[in-house]
């Protein structure tokens, strides 16, 4: 798979350097491989995200105005090492605590926990909130085993907004946990991405098959199904998300009158045309159930190089989450104007 790169083993470092250049003075390269905002106010409760590179714009593309304060960046599809987590923590800390917010993957959990221990040695108060929105990777009773996939984008956006107004680490942690609990996603893959260091695909799948519930690296989901149309596949995906709300004792089922944020994500190669065709079917299905679409996100925000695939995420919105969502935000890779795209009801 052709890629315009230099040394395949230096891809992560060079892409983060390029991202800092794209921020044009708003962010800086820190330590071994982290990106941090230049203008974090004293006393702010800081938000640090992070994870493997290669999924741009997550995570390091979500650093910016009313978003994350910094990101600890791993190698391609790999968790950031503890020293990188610690370097980023030191740089974003403004004396009022740091919240770690990242996807629930074993390597990330291990390394961020070690980074937290290093930070604790320096008297930096750190809390962790894991993102586990992938309903296909474990049942509701075992959410601690679920992966974090595309739902992390609205979660980070709302947590970033909450970090602007939170007066304590407890307050920010509670807001982030609410956003995670109310967000559920399911993804599918039609073809793999690739690893720049090897040029090899991340998984194999037959041309006439779709991986239902596959993770953003091609991790197994609920199984493979025959290739089908957008209008046939979309309700199956949406039903998995809606059923998860019904089966989870920690949340109420989605019911008529509920407001949801809808995110249609491309994993890289899937076109905007395909995403929009799926969106129209999602809207029709939700409307038939009496569930209101509060706002919409569409596009390649959680990617896996040139993987062909799509995911659907729903976040149930209450008044608190709506306030966080409607706060404007800006980064090189993701920006949102004040309010809602669709205007006020």
Protein backbone atom coordinates (compact mmCIF):
# COMPACT_ATOMS: atom_id res chain seq x y z
CA UNK A 1 0.00 0.00 0.00
CA UNK A 2 1.66 3.19 -1.23
CA UNK A 3 2.32 5.92 1.34
CA UNK A 4 4.18 9.20 0.98
CA UNK A 5 6.54 8.86 3.94
CA UNK A 6 10.23 8.87 4.79
CA UNK A 7 11.59 6.38 7.32
CA UNK A 8 8.68 4.04 8.22
CA UNK A 9 9.98 3.87 11.79
CA UNK A 10 9.81 7.63 12.23
CA UNK A 11 6.30 8.18 10.91
CA UNK A 12 4.72 8.93 14.31
CA UNK A 13 7.37 11.49 15.26
CA UNK A 14 7.21 13.24 11.92
CA UNK A 15 3.40 13.38 11.80
CA UNK A 16 3.27 14.97 15.27
CA UNK A 17 5.96 17.47 14.22
CA UNK A 18 3.85 18.29 11.17
CA UNK A 19 0.74 18.66 13.32
CA UNK A 20 2.53 21.15 15.56
CA UNK A 21 3.51 23.09 12.43
CA UNK A 22 -0.14 23.04 11.33
CA UNK A 23 -1.16 24.61 14.66
CA UNK A 24 1.14 27.51 13.73
CA UNK A 25 2.12 28.58 17.23
CA UNK A 26 -0.99 27.44 19.15
CA UNK A 27 0.61 24.16 20.31
CA UNK A 28 4.09 22.82 20.92
CA UNK A 29 5.96 19.53 20.69
CA UNK A 30 6.80 18.32 24.19
CA UNK A 31 9.29 15.72 25.38
CA UNK A 32 9.57 12.50 23.42
CA UNK A 33 6.27 12.69 21.52
CA UNK A 34 3.50 14.84 22.98
CA UNK A 35 1.57 17.87 21.81
CA UNK A 36 0.41 20.54 24.30
CA UNK A 37 -1.41 23.87 24.05
CA UNK A 38 0.63 27.01 24.69
CA UNK A 39 -2.09 28.94 26.54
CA UNK A 40 -3.36 26.76 29.41
CA UNK A 41 -4.50 29.14 32.20
CA UNK A 42 -3.09 28.84 35.71
CA UNK A 43 -5.43 26.93 38.02
CA UNK A 44 -7.23 25.16 35.17
CA UNK A 45 -8.35 21.56 35.65
CA UNK A 46 -6.41 20.04 32.77
CA UNK A 47 -7.56 17.44 30.25
CA UNK A 48 -5.00 15.04 28.78
CA UNK A 49 -5.95 12.58 26.05
CA UNK A 50 -3.80 10.12 24.18
CA UNK A 51 -3.33 6.90 22.31
CA UNK A 52 -1.69 5.44 19.27
CA UNK A 53 -0.88 7.52 16.22
CA UNK A 54 -2.26 6.50 12.84
CA UNK A 55 -5.90 7.23 13.71
CA UNK A 56 -5.81 10.92 12.87
CA UNK A 57 -7.33 13.22 13.83
CA UNK A 58 -7.72 11.36 17.11
CA UNK A 59 -6.28 11.89 19.64
CA UNK A 60 -3.67 14.54 19.12
CA UNK A 61 -5.85 16.36 16.59
CA UNK A 62 -8.35 17.05 19.38
CA UNK A 63 -6.04 19.45 21.23
CA UNK A 64 -7.16 23.06 20.97
CA UNK A 65 -9.59 25.75 22.02
CA UNK A 66 -12.19 24.29 24.43
CA UNK A 67 -10.86 20.81 23.66
CA UNK A 68 -8.05 18.80 25.25
CA UNK A 69 -5.04 20.62 26.71
CA UNK A 70 -2.58 18.03 25.46
CA UNK A 71 -2.13 14.57 24.00
CA UNK A 72 0.38 11.81 24.72
CA UNK A 73 1.10 10.17 21.38
CA UNK A 74 2.14 6.57 20.86
CA UNK A 75 3.71 5.00 17.81
CA UNK A 76 1.44 3.88 14.97
CA UNK A 77 -1.45 1.91 16.53
CA UNK A 78 0.51 1.62 19.80
CA UNK A 79 0.01 3.05 23.29
CA UNK A 80 2.19 5.98 24.37
CA UNK A 81 4.94 4.79 26.76
CA UNK A 82 4.77 5.88 30.42
CA UNK A 83 7.51 8.47 30.01
CA UNK A 84 5.56 10.20 27.25
CA UNK A 85 2.41 10.19 29.39
CA UNK A 86 4.37 11.68 32.29
CA UNK A 87 6.01 14.34 30.13
CA UNK A 88 2.62 15.43 28.81
CA UNK A 89 1.12 15.40 32.32
CA UNK A 90 3.84 17.66 33.67
CA UNK A 91 3.38 20.07 30.80
CA UNK A 92 -0.42 20.41 31.04
CA UNK A 93 -0.57 20.53 34.86
CA UNK A 94 -1.64 23.90 36.22
CA UNK A 95 -1.96 22.93 39.87
CA UNK A 96 -5.61 21.85 39.92
CA UNK A 97 -5.30 18.26 38.74
CA UNK A 98 -5.17 16.43 35.41
CA UNK A 99 -7.85 14.14 33.98
CA UNK A 100 -6.70 11.31 31.73
CA UNK A 101 -9.32 10.47 29.09
CA UNK A 102 -8.55 7.73 26.57
CA UNK A 103 -9.76 4.52 24.94
CA UNK A 104 -9.99 1.30 26.93
CA UNK A 105 -7.12 -0.76 25.49
CA UNK A 106 -4.83 -2.89 27.66
CA UNK A 107 -1.60 -1.19 26.55
CA UNK A 108 -3.00 2.30 27.03
CA UNK A 109 -4.39 1.44 30.48
CA UNK A 110 -1.07 -0.02 31.61
CA UNK A 111 1.05 2.85 30.33
CA UNK A 112 -1.25 5.65 31.47
CA UNK A 113 -1.44 4.03 34.92
CA UNK A 114 2.37 3.98 35.08
CA UNK A 115 2.40 7.59 33.90
CA UNK A 116 -0.03 8.44 36.69
CA UNK A 117 2.29 6.82 39.23
CA UNK A 118 5.19 8.93 37.97
CA UNK A 119 2.97 12.00 38.18
CA UNK A 120 1.89 11.14 41.72
CA UNK A 121 5.56 11.07 42.73
CA UNK A 122 5.65 14.72 41.64
CA UNK A 123 2.48 15.53 43.62
CA UNK A 124 0.30 15.91 40.51
CA UNK A 125 -3.28 14.82 41.19
CA UNK A 126 -4.40 12.55 38.35
CA UNK A 127 -7.73 10.83 37.66
CA UNK A 128 -8.62 8.49 34.82
CA UNK A 129 -11.82 8.05 32.80
CA UNK A 130 -11.81 5.25 30.23
CA UNK A 131 -13.81 5.42 27.01
CA UNK A 132 -15.58 2.13 26.24
CA UNK A 133 -18.31 2.95 23.73
CA UNK A 134 -18.00 -0.15 21.47
CA UNK A 135 -21.12 -2.20 22.21
CA UNK A 136 -19.87 -5.19 20.21
CA UNK A 137 -16.75 -5.85 22.26
CA UNK A 138 -18.49 -6.90 25.52
CA UNK A 139 -21.99 -6.98 27.06
CA UNK A 140 -23.31 -4.10 29.20
CA UNK A 141 -22.50 -6.04 32.37
CA UNK A 142 -18.82 -6.04 31.36
CA UNK A 143 -18.35 -2.51 30.07
CA UNK A 144 -14.87 -2.45 31.59
CA UNK A 145 -13.85 -4.89 28.83
CA UNK A 146 -15.15 -2.76 25.96
CA UNK A 147 -12.98 -0.88 23.47
CA UNK A 148 -13.07 2.83 22.86
CA UNK A 149 -13.90 3.65 19.24
CA UNK A 150 -15.50 6.61 17.42
CA UNK A 151 -17.63 7.76 20.35
CA UNK A 152 -14.46 9.18 21.86
CA UNK A 153 -14.76 12.23 19.59
CA UNK A 154 -17.99 13.66 21.05
CA UNK A 155 -16.86 12.52 24.50
CA UNK A 156 -13.55 14.40 24.25
CA UNK A 157 -15.34 17.43 22.79
CA UNK A 158 -17.79 17.60 25.71
CA UNK A 159 -15.12 16.86 28.31
CA UNK A 160 -12.99 19.60 26.78
CA UNK A 161 -15.85 22.05 27.21
CA UNK A 162 -16.44 20.86 30.78
CA UNK A 163 -12.76 21.43 31.57
CA UNK A 164 -13.21 25.14 30.78
CA UNK A 165 -15.77 25.61 33.54
CA UNK A 166 -14.92 22.88 36.06
CA UNK A 167 -13.55 24.18 39.34
CA UNK A 168 -12.30 20.80 40.56
CA UNK A 169 -11.02 17.50 39.25
CA UNK A 170 -14.07 15.81 40.80
CA UNK A 171 -16.36 18.01 38.70
CA UNK A 172 -14.53 17.31 35.44
CA UNK A 173 -14.34 13.58 36.15
CA UNK A 174 -18.10 13.43 36.76
CA UNK A 175 -18.85 15.25 33.48
CA UNK A 176 -16.57 12.95 31.49
CA UNK A 177 -18.08 9.84 33.07
CA UNK A 178 -21.57 11.02 32.17
CA UNK A 179 -20.55 11.59 28.53
CA UNK A 180 -19.00 8.10 28.38
CA UNK A 181 -22.00 6.40 29.99
CA UNK A 182 -24.45 8.01 27.54
CA UNK A 183 -22.40 7.22 24.40
CA UNK A 184 -22.62 3.93 22.47
CA UNK A 185 -21.12 2.96 19.10
CA UNK A 186 -20.95 0.15 16.60
CA UNK A 187 -18.64 -0.10 13.60
CA UNK A 188 -18.22 -2.19 10.46
CA UNK A 189 -15.27 -2.81 8.16
CA UNK A 190 -15.20 -3.71 4.50
CA UNK A 191 -11.42 -3.63 3.93
CA UNK A 192 -8.33 -3.14 6.13
CA UNK A 193 -5.97 -0.29 6.77
CA UNK A 194 -2.22 -0.85 6.84
CA UNK A 195 0.78 -0.41 9.11
CA UNK A 196 3.33 2.01 7.58
CA UNK A 197 6.34 0.16 9.06
CA UNK A 198 5.44 -3.02 7.18
CA UNK A 199 3.03 -1.97 4.46
CA UNK A 200 0.90 -4.95 5.46
CA UNK A 201 -2.87 -4.85 6.06
CA UNK A 202 -4.16 -4.89 9.63
CA UNK A 203 -6.53 -7.82 8.92
CA UNK A 204 -8.03 -9.86 6.09
CA UNK A 205 -11.64 -10.06 4.98
CA UNK A 206 -13.28 -11.49 1.87
CA UNK A 207 -14.53 -9.04 -0.76
CA UNK A 208 -18.14 -10.18 -0.33
CA UNK A 209 -18.11 -9.87 3.48
CA UNK A 210 -18.56 -7.10 6.06
CA UNK A 211 -17.04 -7.31 9.53
CA UNK A 212 -19.91 -6.34 11.84
CA UNK A 213 -18.67 -4.81 15.08
CA UNK A 214 -15.01 -4.79 14.08
CA UNK A 215 -12.69 -2.50 16.04
CA UNK A 216 -10.62 0.30 14.55
CA UNK A 217 -7.69 -2.08 13.99
CA UNK A 218 -9.89 -4.89 12.72
CA UNK A 219 -10.46 -6.52 16.11
CA UNK A 220 -13.30 -9.07 15.97
CA UNK A 221 -16.88 -7.99 16.46
CA UNK A 222 -20.06 -10.01 16.44
CA UNK A 223 -19.12 -11.70 13.17
CA UNK A 224 -19.00 -11.37 9.42
CA UNK A 225 -22.09 -10.86 7.30
CA UNK A 226 -22.60 -10.77 3.53
CA UNK A 227 -21.95 -7.46 1.80
CA UNK A 228 -25.24 -5.61 1.57
CA UNK A 229 -26.80 -2.20 0.94
CA UNK A 230 -26.60 0.86 3.17
CA UNK A 231 -30.34 0.74 3.89
CA UNK A 232 -30.14 -2.90 4.97
CA UNK A 233 -26.98 -2.56 7.07
CA UNK A 234 -27.81 0.70 8.88
CA UNK A 235 -30.84 -0.57 10.88
CA UNK A 236 -28.82 -3.62 12.00
CA UNK A 237 -26.07 -1.37 13.31
CA UNK A 238 -28.49 1.08 14.90
CA UNK A 239 -30.44 -1.71 16.60
CA UNK A 240 -27.26 -2.93 18.32
CA UNK A 241 -26.75 0.53 19.82
CA UNK A 242 -30.37 1.02 20.86
CA UNK A 243 -30.60 -2.47 22.35
CA UNK A 244 -27.51 -1.76 24.42
CA UNK A 245 -29.23 1.15 26.13
CA UNK A 246 -32.13 -1.19 26.89
CA UNK A 247 -29.93 -3.94 28.35
CA UNK A 248 -27.72 -1.69 30.51
CA UNK A 249 -29.02 -1.25 34.07
CA UNK A 250 -26.89 1.89 34.51
CA UNK A 251 -28.86 3.91 31.96
CA UNK A 252 -32.46 4.32 30.90
CA UNK A 253 -33.57 2.90 27.54
CA UNK A 254 -33.85 5.36 24.68
CA UNK A 255 -37.49 6.40 24.50
CA UNK A 256 -39.64 8.74 22.36
CA UNK A 257 -38.75 12.34 23.11
CA UNK A 258 -35.11 11.65 23.95
CA UNK A 259 -32.50 13.82 22.24
CA UNK A 260 -29.42 12.14 20.77
CA UNK A 261 -26.25 13.35 19.16
CA UNK A 262 -25.58 11.28 16.03
CA UNK A 263 -22.04 10.68 14.77
CA UNK A 264 -21.46 8.93 11.44
CA UNK A 265 -17.74 8.21 11.25
CA UNK A 266 -15.62 7.11 8.29
CA UNK A 267 -12.68 4.87 9.15
CA UNK A 268 -10.62 6.47 6.39
CA UNK A 269 -11.46 5.27 2.90
CA UNK A 270 -15.24 5.39 3.22
CA UNK A 271 -16.45 8.46 1.37
CA UNK A 272 -18.65 11.31 2.57
CA UNK A 273 -21.20 10.10 0.02
CA UNK A 274 -21.52 6.77 1.85
CA UNK A 275 -21.65 8.45 5.27
CA UNK A 276 -24.47 10.73 4.17
CA UNK A 277 -26.44 7.84 2.68
CA UNK A 278 -26.16 6.08 6.05
CA UNK A 279 -27.11 9.27 7.92
CA UNK A 280 -30.38 9.65 6.01
CA UNK A 281 -31.35 6.10 6.99
CA UNK A 282 -30.33 6.68 10.63
CA UNK A 283 -32.57 9.75 10.71
CA UNK A 284 -35.50 7.83 9.25
CA UNK A 285 -35.09 5.00 11.76
CA UNK A 286 -34.78 7.32 14.77
CA UNK A 287 -37.71 9.46 13.63
CA UNK A 288 -39.88 6.35 13.37
CA UNK A 289 -38.98 5.55 16.99
CA UNK A 290 -39.77 9.10 18.15
CA UNK A 291 -36.14 9.82 19.06
CA UNK A 292 -35.01 13.35 18.19
CA UNK A 293 -31.66 14.10 16.58
CA UNK A 294 -30.20 16.93 18.64
CA UNK A 295 -27.18 17.42 16.39
CA UNK A 296 -25.09 15.58 13.81
CA UNK A 297 -21.41 14.88 13.19
CA UNK A 298 -20.27 13.33 9.91
CA UNK A 299 -16.82 12.55 8.59
CA UNK A 300 -13.48 10.76 9.05
CA UNK A 301 -12.58 11.59 12.66
CA UNK A 302 -11.64 8.16 14.04
CA UNK A 303 -9.68 6.51 11.27
CA UNK A 304 -7.37 3.58 10.60
CA UNK A 305 -5.29 4.75 7.65
CA UNK A 306 -7.09 3.66 4.45
CA UNK A 307 -9.52 1.27 6.10
CA UNK A 308 -12.92 1.11 4.43
CA UNK A 309 -15.52 1.12 7.17
CA UNK A 310 -18.08 3.17 9.00
CA UNK A 311 -19.40 3.53 12.54
CA UNK A 312 -22.54 4.91 14.13
CA UNK A 313 -22.43 6.57 17.56
CA UNK A 314 -25.32 7.86 19.63
CA UNK A 315 -25.01 10.08 22.71
CA UNK A 316 -28.13 10.71 24.76
CA UNK A 317 -28.08 14.42 25.61
CA UNK A 318 -29.33 16.04 28.80
CA UNK A 319 -29.17 19.75 29.66
CA UNK A 320 -25.63 19.48 31.04
CA UNK A 321 -24.21 17.65 28.02
CA UNK A 322 -26.03 20.04 25.68
CA UNK A 323 -24.24 22.99 27.30
CA UNK A 324 -20.89 21.29 26.79
CA UNK A 325 -21.73 20.33 23.22
CA UNK A 326 -22.86 23.82 22.25
CA UNK A 327 -19.65 25.50 23.43
CA UNK A 328 -17.56 26.37 20.34
CA UNK A 329 -14.27 24.56 19.88
CA UNK A 330 -11.37 24.71 17.47
CA UNK A 331 -8.37 22.60 16.58
CA UNK A 332 -6.51 21.91 13.36
CA UNK A 333 -8.53 18.73 12.85
CA UNK A 334 -11.90 19.38 14.46
CA UNK A 335 -13.84 22.59 14.97
CA UNK A 336 -17.41 23.44 15.86
CA UNK A 337 -19.31 26.72 15.91
CA UNK A 338 -21.35 27.82 18.91
CA UNK A 339 -24.75 26.17 19.35
CA UNK A 340 -25.98 23.42 17.09
CA UNK A 341 -25.40 22.91 13.39
CA UNK A 342 -29.11 22.52 12.81
CA UNK A 343 -30.10 25.66 14.72
CA UNK A 344 -32.45 25.89 17.68
CA UNK A 345 -35.76 24.08 17.82
